[in-house]
Protein backbone atom coordinates (compact mmCIF):
# COMPACT_ATOMS: atom_id res chain seq x y z
CA MET A 1 97.90 127.18 64.60
CA ARG A 2 94.60 127.28 66.50
CA ILE A 3 92.85 125.41 63.70
CA ILE A 4 95.60 122.77 63.66
CA ASN A 5 95.37 122.32 67.43
CA LYS A 6 91.61 121.89 67.20
CA LEU A 7 92.07 119.33 64.46
CA ILE A 8 94.61 117.39 66.52
CA SER A 9 92.31 117.54 69.55
CA GLY A 10 89.38 116.29 67.48
CA ILE A 11 91.38 113.36 66.12
CA ARG A 12 92.53 112.47 69.63
CA ARG A 13 88.98 112.52 70.99
CA TRP A 14 87.81 110.34 68.12
CA SER A 15 90.60 107.83 68.78
CA LEU A 16 89.85 107.71 72.53
CA GLY A 17 86.10 107.28 72.05
CA THR A 18 83.40 107.99 74.62
CA ALA A 19 84.63 105.28 77.01
CA TYR A 20 87.77 107.34 77.60
CA LYS A 21 86.07 110.73 77.53
CA HIS A 22 87.54 111.47 80.96
CA GLN A 23 91.00 111.64 79.34
CA TYR A 24 90.12 114.29 76.75
CA ASN A 25 91.89 117.06 78.70
CA CYS A 26 95.20 115.20 78.85
CA HIS A 27 98.01 116.21 76.51
CA PRO A 28 98.44 113.71 73.61
CA ASP A 29 102.13 113.25 74.54
CA PHE A 30 101.20 112.24 78.10
CA ASP A 31 100.68 108.68 79.29
CA LEU A 32 100.48 106.71 82.54
CA VAL A 33 101.51 103.07 82.88
CA ARG A 34 99.97 101.42 85.92
CA GLN A 35 102.02 99.20 88.25
CA THR A 36 100.99 97.58 91.55
CA ASP A 37 101.57 100.49 93.92
CA HIS A 38 102.80 103.21 91.58
CA CYS A 39 102.50 104.42 88.02
CA GLU A 40 105.06 105.51 85.48
CA VAL A 41 104.58 109.00 84.08
CA ARG A 42 105.53 109.08 80.41
CA TRP A 43 106.05 112.00 78.06
CA LYS A 44 106.55 111.30 74.37
CA LYS A 45 106.85 107.60 75.29
CA GLN A 46 109.74 108.26 77.68
CA VAL A 47 109.45 107.60 81.42
CA ILE A 48 109.99 110.88 83.27
CA ALA A 49 108.77 109.96 86.76
CA SER A 50 107.35 107.28 89.00
CA VAL A 51 104.59 108.36 91.39
CA PRO A 52 102.81 106.29 94.05
CA PHE A 53 99.07 105.77 94.11
CA ALA A 54 97.16 107.31 97.01
CA HIS A 55 96.36 103.84 98.31
CA SER A 56 100.08 103.35 99.04
CA PHE A 57 99.40 105.50 102.13
CA SER A 58 96.24 103.65 103.22
CA GLN A 59 95.62 103.38 106.97
CA SER A 60 99.14 104.62 107.75
CA GLN A 61 98.00 107.46 110.03
CA HIS A 62 95.91 108.06 113.15
CA GLY A 63 94.78 110.92 115.35
CA PRO A 64 93.29 114.22 114.11
CA CYS A 65 93.53 115.84 110.68
CA PHE A 66 92.42 119.27 109.46
CA ILE A 67 91.05 119.68 105.95
CA VAL A 68 91.78 123.28 104.93
CA ALA A 69 89.70 124.64 102.05
CA SER A 70 89.88 128.17 100.68
CA GLY A 71 86.45 129.49 101.65
CA PRO A 72 86.22 133.09 102.96
CA SER A 73 85.89 131.97 106.58
CA LEU A 74 89.55 130.85 106.41
CA ALA A 75 90.55 134.54 106.46
CA ASP A 76 89.70 134.71 110.17
CA ILE A 77 91.63 131.56 111.12
CA ASP A 78 95.12 131.64 112.62
CA ILE A 79 96.46 128.67 110.68
CA GLN A 80 99.55 128.44 112.88
CA ARG A 81 97.36 127.10 115.66
CA ILE A 82 96.91 123.82 113.79
CA GLN A 83 100.58 123.45 112.90
CA ARG A 84 101.07 120.59 115.37
CA TYR A 85 98.31 118.53 113.71
CA ALA A 86 98.13 116.82 110.33
CA SER A 87 96.52 118.94 107.61
CA ILE A 88 95.34 118.65 104.01
CA SER A 89 95.53 121.88 101.99
CA LEU A 90 92.97 122.11 99.17
CA ASN A 91 93.63 124.10 95.99
CA GLY A 92 94.42 127.72 96.87
CA ALA A 93 94.56 127.16 100.63
CA ILE A 94 98.32 126.74 100.26
CA LYS A 95 98.43 130.55 100.12
CA LYS A 96 97.29 130.66 103.74
CA PHE A 97 100.02 128.25 104.80
CA ARG A 98 102.68 130.18 102.88
CA ALA A 99 101.61 133.49 104.41
CA ALA A 100 101.97 131.94 107.85
CA GLY A 101 105.37 130.47 107.03
CA ILE A 102 104.30 126.87 107.63
CA SER A 103 103.63 123.83 105.47
CA PRO A 104 100.66 121.45 105.41
CA THR A 105 101.12 117.70 105.73
CA TYR A 106 99.37 117.05 102.43
CA CYS A 107 98.08 119.04 99.47
CA LEU A 108 95.19 117.98 97.27
CA ILE A 109 94.41 119.47 93.84
CA VAL A 110 92.20 117.54 91.42
CA ASP A 111 90.54 120.16 89.22
CA HIS A 112 92.46 120.74 85.97
CA ARG A 113 91.26 124.35 86.01
CA VAL A 114 93.33 125.01 89.14
CA PHE A 115 96.39 123.67 87.32
CA GLU A 116 95.62 125.92 84.37
CA ARG A 117 94.65 129.13 86.21
CA GLN A 118 96.44 128.87 89.55
CA TRP A 119 99.78 127.36 88.55
CA ALA A 120 101.58 129.09 91.43
CA CYS A 121 99.44 127.10 93.88
CA VAL A 122 100.61 123.86 92.26
CA VAL A 123 104.27 124.87 92.43
CA ASP A 124 103.96 126.18 96.00
CA SER A 125 102.24 122.98 97.09
CA ILE A 126 105.02 120.80 95.69
CA GLU A 127 107.80 123.03 97.00
CA SER A 128 106.22 123.10 100.47
CA GLY A 129 107.49 119.54 100.96
CA ALA A 130 103.99 118.21 101.61
CA TRP A 131 102.85 115.02 99.94
CA CYS A 132 100.80 116.26 96.99
CA PHE A 133 97.85 114.24 95.73
CA PHE A 134 96.97 115.22 92.17
CA SER A 135 94.60 113.96 89.49
CA PHE A 136 95.94 112.39 86.30
CA GLU A 137 94.92 115.56 84.47
CA GLY A 138 97.16 117.48 86.84
CA LEU A 139 100.05 115.11 86.19
CA SER A 140 99.57 115.71 82.47
CA ILE A 141 99.88 119.46 82.91
CA ILE A 142 102.97 119.11 85.12
CA ALA A 143 104.58 116.84 82.51
CA GLU A 144 103.86 119.45 79.84
CA ARG A 145 104.76 122.63 81.73
CA ALA A 146 107.39 121.73 84.32
CA PRO A 147 108.47 118.07 84.40
CA GLU A 148 111.35 119.02 86.68
CA LEU A 149 108.82 119.29 89.52
CA PHE A 150 108.64 115.49 89.62
CA LYS A 151 112.20 115.54 91.02
CA HIS A 152 110.77 116.61 94.39
CA GLN A 153 109.41 113.05 94.72
CA ASN A 154 106.43 114.11 96.81
CA ILE A 155 103.74 113.74 94.15
CA ALA A 156 101.12 110.99 94.28
CA LEU A 157 98.14 110.09 92.10
CA ILE A 158 94.63 110.11 93.57
CA GLU A 159 91.87 108.69 91.40
CA SER A 160 88.14 108.87 90.92
CA ALA A 161 86.36 105.58 91.50
CA THR A 162 84.78 105.77 88.06
CA ARG A 163 87.27 107.81 86.01
CA LYS A 164 90.67 106.14 86.11
CA TYR A 165 93.35 106.74 83.52
CA GLY A 166 93.60 103.86 81.05
CA VAL A 167 90.40 102.28 82.34
CA PRO A 168 87.23 102.65 80.23
CA ARG A 169 84.29 104.28 81.95
CA VAL A 170 81.41 101.83 82.28
CA SER A 171 77.65 102.38 82.27
CA ILE A 172 75.56 103.34 85.28
CA GLN A 173 74.16 99.82 85.44
CA GLU A 174 77.63 98.25 85.38
CA THR A 175 78.75 100.70 88.07
CA LEU A 176 75.84 99.67 90.27
CA GLN A 177 76.65 96.00 89.79
CA ALA A 178 80.22 96.64 90.88
CA PHE A 179 79.48 98.85 93.87
CA GLN A 180 76.16 97.88 95.43
CA GLN A 181 77.54 94.72 97.05
CA ASP A 182 80.90 96.28 97.95
CA ALA A 183 81.36 96.88 101.67
CA ASP A 184 83.96 99.58 100.95
CA ILE A 185 81.55 101.68 98.89
CA LEU A 186 78.58 103.62 100.23
CA LEU A 187 75.87 104.71 97.80
CA ALA A 188 72.73 106.78 98.36
CA GLU A 189 69.67 104.69 97.61
CA ASP A 190 67.74 107.75 96.42
CA LEU A 191 70.58 108.85 94.11
CA LEU A 192 71.59 105.64 92.35
CA PRO A 193 71.37 107.23 88.86
CA TYR A 194 74.28 109.45 90.03
CA CYS A 195 76.37 106.53 91.31
CA ARG A 196 79.35 107.43 89.11
CA ALA A 197 79.78 110.74 90.96
CA ILE A 198 77.89 110.49 94.27
CA GLY A 199 79.17 107.97 96.78
CA PHE A 200 81.73 107.47 99.52
CA SER A 201 84.74 105.20 99.30
CA LEU A 202 86.40 103.67 102.34
CA ASN A 203 89.17 102.19 100.20
CA LEU A 204 91.59 104.48 98.36
CA LYS A 205 92.60 101.65 96.04
CA LYS A 206 89.07 101.69 94.62
CA GLY A 207 89.18 105.45 94.12
CA VAL A 208 86.99 108.22 95.53
CA PHE A 209 83.80 109.96 94.46
CA ALA A 210 83.92 113.50 93.11
CA GLY A 211 80.74 115.17 94.31
CA LYS A 212 81.52 118.43 92.43
CA THR A 213 83.93 119.71 95.10
CA VAL A 214 87.48 118.85 96.15
CA ALA A 215 86.29 118.81 99.77
CA THR A 216 84.51 115.48 99.20
CA TRP A 217 87.75 114.03 97.80
CA ALA A 218 89.56 115.32 100.88
CA VAL A 219 87.21 113.69 103.38
CA GLN A 220 87.57 110.32 101.65
CA LEU A 221 91.35 110.80 101.55
CA ALA A 222 91.48 111.57 105.28
CA PHE A 223 89.38 108.49 106.09
CA GLY A 224 91.52 106.36 103.77
CA LEU A 225 94.74 107.58 105.37
CA GLY A 226 93.43 106.37 108.72
CA TYR A 227 92.78 109.57 110.67
CA LYS A 228 90.33 109.15 113.55
CA SER A 229 88.98 112.69 113.67
CA VAL A 230 88.56 115.04 110.72
CA TRP A 231 88.00 118.78 111.07
CA MET A 232 87.05 120.93 108.07
CA LEU A 233 88.15 124.57 107.82
CA GLY A 234 87.04 126.97 105.08
CA VAL A 235 84.44 124.56 103.69
CA ASP A 236 81.87 127.32 103.24
CA LEU A 237 80.41 126.02 99.96
CA GLY A 238 79.00 129.43 99.08
CA GLY A 239 77.27 129.86 102.43
CA THR A 240 78.69 133.36 102.94
CA GLY A 241 77.95 134.50 99.39
CA LYS A 242 81.63 135.33 98.91
CA ALA A 243 84.43 133.73 96.89
CA HIS A 244 87.69 132.71 98.56
CA PHE A 245 89.60 134.00 101.58
CA TYR A 246 91.86 135.66 98.98
CA ALA A 247 90.86 137.85 96.03
CA ASP A 248 91.89 136.55 92.62
CA ALA A 249 89.90 137.52 89.54
CA SER A 250 91.83 135.00 87.42
CA ASN A 251 90.25 132.11 89.31
CA PRO A 252 86.45 132.63 89.49
CA HIS A 253 84.91 130.74 92.37
CA PRO A 254 82.62 127.82 91.52
CA ASP A 255 78.91 128.11 92.04
CA PHE A 256 78.64 125.62 94.89
CA LEU A 257 74.94 126.29 95.45
CA ARG A 258 74.32 125.24 91.86
CA TYR A 259 75.85 121.85 92.60
CA TYR A 260 74.56 121.46 96.15
CA GLU A 261 71.69 119.28 94.97
CA PRO A 262 72.26 116.45 94.53
CA HIS A 263 76.06 116.15 94.37
CA ILE A 264 77.43 117.99 97.39
CA ARG A 265 74.52 117.16 99.66
CA GLY A 266 74.58 113.51 98.55
CA CYS A 267 78.32 112.99 99.07
CA PHE A 268 78.41 114.69 102.45
CA SER A 269 75.34 112.76 103.62
CA LEU A 270 77.28 109.61 102.81
CA ALA A 271 80.31 111.04 104.62
CA ARG A 272 78.13 111.34 107.71
CA GLU A 273 77.07 107.71 107.22
CA ALA A 274 80.72 106.69 106.85
CA SER A 275 81.56 108.56 110.04
CA GLU A 276 78.89 106.66 111.96
CA LYS A 277 79.94 103.34 110.40
CA THR A 278 83.66 103.69 111.12
CA GLY A 279 83.64 105.75 114.29
CA VAL A 280 85.73 108.49 112.66
CA SER A 281 84.47 111.85 113.92
CA LEU A 282 83.82 114.52 111.28
CA TYR A 283 83.12 118.19 111.98
CA ASN A 284 82.69 121.33 109.91
CA LEU A 285 84.31 124.32 111.62
CA SER A 286 82.72 126.80 109.20
CA LEU A 287 79.65 127.88 111.15
CA ASP A 288 78.18 129.78 108.17
CA SER A 289 78.72 126.95 105.70
CA ALA A 290 75.90 126.15 103.29
CA LEU A 291 76.28 122.54 104.45
CA PRO A 292 73.78 122.16 107.32
CA ALA A 293 74.72 120.77 110.72
CA GLU A 294 72.12 118.03 110.24
CA ILE A 295 74.45 116.52 107.65
CA ILE A 296 77.90 117.36 109.07
CA PRO A 297 77.95 118.58 112.69
CA LYS A 298 79.37 122.07 113.18
CA MET A 299 81.73 123.30 115.85
CA GLY A 300 83.57 126.56 116.43
CA PHE A 301 87.31 126.65 115.81
CA GLU A 302 88.12 127.47 119.44
CA ASP A 303 85.92 124.65 120.72
CA ALA A 304 87.61 122.24 118.31
CA LEU A 305 91.09 123.21 119.53
CA THR A 306 90.00 122.88 123.15
CA GLN A 307 88.68 119.39 122.46
CA LEU A 308 91.86 118.38 120.66
CA GLU A 309 94.16 119.76 123.33
CA GLN A 310 92.46 117.55 125.86
CA GLY A 311 93.98 114.48 124.29
CA SER A 312 95.13 114.12 120.69
CA THR A 313 97.90 112.12 119.06
CA ILE A 314 100.36 113.78 116.69
CA HIS A 315 101.78 111.62 113.91
CA THR A 316 104.23 112.29 111.11
CA PRO A 317 103.37 110.75 107.71
CA SER A 318 105.72 108.45 105.86
CA LEU A 319 105.57 106.18 102.86
């Protein structure tokens, strides 16, 4: 059976070609059909769901938003204290919300390895009632493993700017031609050879840049949704030398320091530039984060809450 599966996988990769290499991890029975503001999810050529694109929510929000990652510093945070504000739970951070008996406003999971190794986090995110932004690879795994989850109707597709389902990936030169004159796209002049991964998008319809960590997706999502202040929790990026706020041997933590240069540093430097360009404030509340304050300003959790309590607007998301 293993040999047959490898053969089928090889034939599929050959048929897709290198231009669609980003779709290699999708199940061969999975397909997406793009519409204006949503896409049809198909399994064995049958439509099983309709999910909106992330850009359907563009500039619909305002006020503050917390991005909650699963770094070890999250263990010391009383998550209930941000319950009155909008929040984006990343990957395994949903465990923190569940333990506190509350739900985030949004969930964001884009790494297919989380879908494969931390399936409970996917299910818990969907069942929390939050709007869940997933990658097309994630949608493929849901269609294969538990298509009934689409019945919750709170799943949306978020896309990479350079790796969209059904769209061939173009060369670095073609990417530069498309993005360098685009006011919605920020690129680092010293990192142009990495323009397919390192950048910052101000327009969710055009997709976001990966930067080797879901946190960079989350910042672009928060900006795209329209929030005016963005506060990052648990974005340690290996700064403490520990894994996650929870212990789980089945989900080894990524080596963030390996990817810090140039991907993480480049994307967050552009996030700082986007903050200055748009007037959206951006702070990292992980004081021991490997991301230096020169790139993203740091602030203590208590100081952040004090600042917010002095005058913030609470808003409930809708589509």
